[in-house]
Amino acid sequence: MSTQYINFTNSTLNAKSHQVFQGPKGLTLEDYKKGKLVFAKGVYKSFQETLKESMTKESKSSLKGIEKNGVKGFLYVVKPGDTLWDISQNFKVNMEDLVKDNNLKDPDQIYPGQELFIRKNNHPLEQEVVASWYGPGYHGRPMANGEIYNMYDMVVAHRDLPFGTKVEILNPENNQRVVAVVKDRGPFIAGRDLDLSYGIAKRLGMVEKGVGKVVMKILA
């Protein structure tokens, strides 16, 4: 069996890439796109992993600082294989902001080479916030990210942190802490910054108190 590999040039699958592809008879580039392995320099890698590495190496050179409508951010050049969801998660920005700031009529229709304005994330990594909790009235109902809310899960609602953001929440009164994931939007009451699930509130000892100050630290 011959050595199998794909050569990427500037993260683009072009004619040259097809020409240097080698493999057993009947094995095509499309096979690799479907998850078959690539052998290169003694390491097996999937097509997606190889492409992602190539994209990451060039990501810094594709970022250009800019200000749009008074909002600081930068321009990101879309790479092959990018989705708007991936971009929002990589840069910790909201899908809603990406769609609005770039006047995207269809979030699924982005293309390699397209420039997207991405807001600078101004959230401090650690800050004191006012938190409340929500439970039975919302249990079993869809959250803002489309998943079903389970009030016993380690999930929180925040007005603008991207879905999927991991945060550590500390109750300074008893030093109890939990790690949670942002999956919902809220709270929508003035003076409150974070809505905790019932499960989190119970572990932090905040069920009876209802509302209190906690320290929120962004992990990833």
Protein backbone atom coordinates (compact mmCIF):
# COMPACT_ATOMS: atom_id res chain seq x y z
CA MET A 1 0.00 0.00 0.00
CA SER A 2 1.40 3.40 -0.95
CA THR A 3 1.79 6.30 1.46
CA GLN A 4 -1.39 8.34 1.77
CA TYR A 5 -1.27 12.09 2.29
CA ILE A 6 -2.75 15.41 1.25
CA ASN A 7 -0.70 18.54 0.69
CA PHE A 8 -2.44 21.81 1.56
CA THR A 9 -1.44 25.11 0.01
CA ASN A 10 -2.70 28.17 1.91
CA SER A 11 -5.48 26.07 3.45
CA THR A 12 -7.06 25.72 0.01
CA LEU A 13 -7.90 22.46 -1.71
CA ASN A 14 -6.86 23.39 -5.22
CA ALA A 15 -5.77 21.54 -8.32
CA LYS A 16 -2.27 21.12 -6.93
CA SER A 17 -3.65 19.45 -3.82
CA HIS A 18 -5.48 16.92 -5.94
CA GLN A 19 -2.39 16.18 -7.99
CA VAL A 20 -0.17 15.36 -5.02
CA PHE A 21 -2.75 13.14 -3.35
CA GLN A 22 -1.60 9.53 -3.33
CA GLY A 23 -3.26 6.38 -2.09
CA PRO A 24 -4.44 2.88 -2.95
CA LYS A 25 -6.40 2.47 -6.14
CA GLY A 26 -10.02 3.47 -5.67
CA LEU A 27 -9.36 5.71 -2.64
CA THR A 28 -10.28 9.31 -3.46
CA LEU A 29 -10.02 12.71 -1.83
CA GLU A 30 -13.75 12.51 -1.11
CA ASP A 31 -13.08 9.42 1.02
CA TYR A 32 -10.88 11.51 3.28
CA LYS A 33 -13.54 14.19 3.55
CA LYS A 34 -15.83 11.48 4.92
CA GLY A 35 -13.45 10.75 7.78
CA LYS A 36 -10.86 8.29 6.47
CA LEU A 37 -7.34 8.74 7.79
CA VAL A 38 -4.38 10.57 6.30
CA PHE A 39 -0.88 9.27 7.02
CA ALA A 40 1.73 12.01 7.09
CA LYS A 41 5.09 12.13 8.85
CA GLY A 42 4.30 9.06 10.92
CA VAL A 43 1.03 10.37 12.38
CA TYR A 44 -2.48 9.39 11.38
CA LYS A 45 -4.78 12.39 11.06
CA SER A 46 -8.29 12.85 9.76
CA PHE A 47 -8.99 15.17 6.85
CA GLN A 48 -10.77 17.59 9.19
CA GLU A 49 -7.88 17.65 11.68
CA THR A 50 -5.32 18.28 8.95
CA LEU A 51 -7.37 21.11 7.46
CA LYS A 52 -8.00 22.65 10.89
CA GLU A 53 -4.26 22.69 11.67
CA SER A 54 -3.53 24.39 8.38
CA MET A 55 -6.25 26.97 9.03
CA THR A 56 -4.98 27.68 12.55
CA LYS A 57 -1.45 28.44 11.32
CA GLU A 58 -2.80 31.19 9.09
CA SER A 59 -5.49 32.56 11.38
CA LYS A 60 -3.31 35.28 12.92
CA SER A 61 -2.34 36.69 9.54
CA SER A 62 -6.02 36.95 8.56
CA LEU A 63 -7.03 39.20 11.47
CA LYS A 64 -7.17 42.94 10.80
CA GLY A 65 -8.07 45.45 13.52
CA ILE A 66 -11.00 47.70 12.64
CA GLU A 67 -13.82 49.76 14.17
CA LYS A 68 -17.36 49.51 12.85
CA ASN A 69 -20.24 51.74 13.96
CA GLY A 70 -18.28 52.70 17.05
CA VAL A 71 -17.63 49.07 17.99
CA LYS A 72 -14.05 47.81 18.13
CA GLY A 73 -13.26 44.49 16.53
CA PHE A 74 -11.40 42.91 13.66
CA LEU A 75 -11.90 41.37 10.24
CA TYR A 76 -11.63 37.62 9.94
CA VAL A 77 -11.16 35.94 6.57
CA VAL A 78 -13.33 32.83 6.28
CA LYS A 79 -11.38 29.63 5.65
CA PRO A 80 -12.52 26.45 3.87
CA GLY A 81 -14.60 24.36 6.26
CA ASP A 82 -15.53 27.29 8.52
CA THR A 83 -19.08 27.59 9.80
CA LEU A 84 -20.51 30.64 11.53
CA TRP A 85 -21.03 28.54 14.66
CA ASP A 86 -17.36 27.47 14.69
CA ILE A 87 -16.23 31.07 14.27
CA SER A 88 -18.50 32.27 17.08
CA GLN A 89 -17.11 29.60 19.41
CA ASN A 90 -13.46 30.15 18.44
CA PHE A 91 -13.64 33.89 19.10
CA LYS A 92 -16.22 33.78 21.92
CA VAL A 93 -18.74 36.04 20.21
CA ASN A 94 -22.49 35.74 19.76
CA MET A 95 -24.00 34.27 16.63
CA GLU A 96 -26.60 37.05 16.81
CA ASP A 97 -23.88 39.73 16.70
CA LEU A 98 -22.09 38.02 13.80
CA VAL A 99 -25.28 37.91 11.76
CA LYS A 100 -26.26 41.50 12.60
CA ASP A 101 -22.82 43.09 12.20
CA ASN A 102 -22.25 41.44 8.82
CA ASN A 103 -25.80 41.78 7.45
CA LEU A 104 -26.02 38.04 6.84
CA LYS A 105 -29.38 37.00 5.43
CA ASP A 106 -28.52 33.30 5.73
CA PRO A 107 -26.00 32.32 8.47
CA ASP A 108 -25.33 29.05 6.63
CA GLN A 109 -24.15 30.83 3.49
CA ILE A 110 -20.58 31.97 4.18
CA TYR A 111 -17.71 31.23 1.83
CA PRO A 112 -13.89 31.01 1.84
CA GLY A 113 -12.31 34.43 1.38
CA GLN A 114 -15.29 36.31 2.81
CA GLU A 115 -14.38 38.95 5.42
CA LEU A 116 -16.45 38.98 8.60
CA PHE A 117 -16.42 41.71 11.24
CA ILE A 118 -16.00 40.20 14.71
CA ARG A 119 -16.57 42.25 17.83
CA LYS A 120 -13.85 42.39 20.43
CA ASN A 121 -14.87 40.48 23.54
CA ASN A 122 -14.80 43.04 26.34
CA HIS A 123 -15.91 40.79 29.17
CA PRO A 124 -13.34 40.67 32.02
CA LEU A 125 -12.14 37.16 32.76
CA GLU A 126 -13.25 37.47 36.37
CA GLN A 127 -15.86 39.76 37.91
CA GLU A 128 -18.41 40.04 40.69
CA VAL A 129 -21.97 39.75 39.39
CA VAL A 130 -25.49 39.59 40.80
CA ALA A 131 -27.06 36.18 40.28
CA SER A 132 -30.54 34.75 40.70
CA TRP A 133 -31.87 31.29 39.83
CA TYR A 134 -34.73 29.81 37.83
CA GLY A 135 -36.28 26.38 38.12
CA PRO A 136 -39.66 24.59 38.04
CA GLY A 137 -41.46 27.09 35.84
CA TYR A 138 -38.91 26.60 33.06
CA HIS A 139 -37.99 22.93 33.56
CA GLY A 140 -38.55 20.96 30.35
CA ARG A 141 -38.89 24.04 28.18
CA PRO A 142 -36.50 25.01 25.34
CA MET A 143 -33.59 27.29 26.19
CA ALA A 144 -32.35 30.05 23.90
CA ASN A 145 -29.78 27.67 22.36
CA GLY A 146 -32.51 25.18 21.39
CA GLU A 147 -31.75 22.56 24.04
CA ILE A 148 -34.29 21.53 26.68
CA TYR A 149 -33.75 23.11 30.08
CA ASN A 150 -33.08 20.69 32.93
CA MET A 151 -33.08 22.64 36.18
CA TYR A 152 -30.67 20.14 37.75
CA ASP A 153 -27.98 20.61 35.08
CA MET A 154 -24.96 22.88 35.49
CA VAL A 155 -26.20 25.55 33.09
CA VAL A 156 -26.57 29.32 33.34
CA ALA A 157 -28.26 32.12 31.44
CA HIS A 158 -26.33 35.25 30.46
CA ARG A 159 -27.44 38.15 28.30
CA ASP A 160 -24.55 38.12 25.82
CA LEU A 161 -21.80 35.60 26.61
CA PRO A 162 -21.63 33.13 23.69
CA PHE A 163 -23.39 29.80 24.09
CA GLY A 164 -20.93 27.12 25.14
CA THR A 165 -18.81 29.47 27.27
CA LYS A 166 -17.57 27.68 30.40
CA VAL A 167 -17.62 29.70 33.60
CA GLU A 168 -16.67 29.05 37.20
CA ILE A 169 -19.10 30.51 39.73
CA LEU A 170 -18.01 31.13 43.32
CA ASN A 171 -20.24 32.02 46.25
CA PRO A 172 -17.90 34.17 48.39
CA GLU A 173 -20.10 33.67 51.46
CA ASN A 174 -19.32 29.95 51.76
CA ASN A 175 -16.52 29.41 49.18
CA GLN A 176 -18.65 26.88 47.28
CA ARG A 177 -17.99 26.86 43.55
CA VAL A 178 -19.21 25.10 40.42
CA VAL A 179 -18.30 25.01 36.73
CA ALA A 180 -21.20 25.71 34.40
CA VAL A 181 -21.94 26.31 30.72
CA VAL A 182 -23.81 29.26 29.21
CA LYS A 183 -26.80 27.82 27.34
CA ASP A 184 -29.60 30.32 27.85
CA ARG A 185 -30.34 34.05 27.74
CA GLY A 186 -31.26 36.20 30.72
CA PRO A 187 -31.85 37.43 33.32
CA PHE A 188 -34.27 40.09 32.13
CA ILE A 189 -34.66 41.89 35.44
CA ALA A 190 -32.72 45.11 36.01
CA GLY A 191 -29.81 44.77 38.41
CA ARG A 192 -29.22 41.07 37.75
CA ASP A 193 -26.40 39.70 35.59
CA LEU A 194 -26.66 35.92 35.72
CA ASP A 195 -29.40 33.30 36.05
CA LEU A 196 -28.38 30.02 37.66
CA SER A 197 -30.09 26.68 37.28
CA TYR A 198 -31.73 25.30 40.41
CA GLY A 199 -28.99 22.66 40.58
CA ILE A 200 -26.28 25.31 40.71
CA ALA A 201 -28.15 27.46 43.22
CA LYS A 202 -28.53 24.44 45.49
CA ARG A 203 -24.83 23.58 45.34
CA LEU A 204 -23.90 27.19 46.04
CA GLY A 205 -26.36 27.46 48.92
CA MET A 206 -28.42 30.19 47.23
CA VAL A 207 -31.85 28.59 46.90
CA GLU A 208 -33.42 30.24 49.94
CA LYS A 209 -31.66 33.56 49.43
CA GLY A 210 -32.77 33.71 45.80
CA VAL A 211 -30.51 36.57 44.71
CA GLY A 212 -26.94 37.31 45.69
CA LYS A 213 -23.47 38.32 44.59
CA VAL A 214 -21.15 35.70 43.12
CA VAL A 215 -17.78 35.78 41.40
CA MET A 216 -17.90 34.61 37.79
CA LYS A 217 -14.69 33.54 36.06
CA ILE A 218 -14.61 32.78 32.33
CA LEU A 219 -12.71 29.54 31.73
CA ALA A 220 -13.13 28.91 28.01
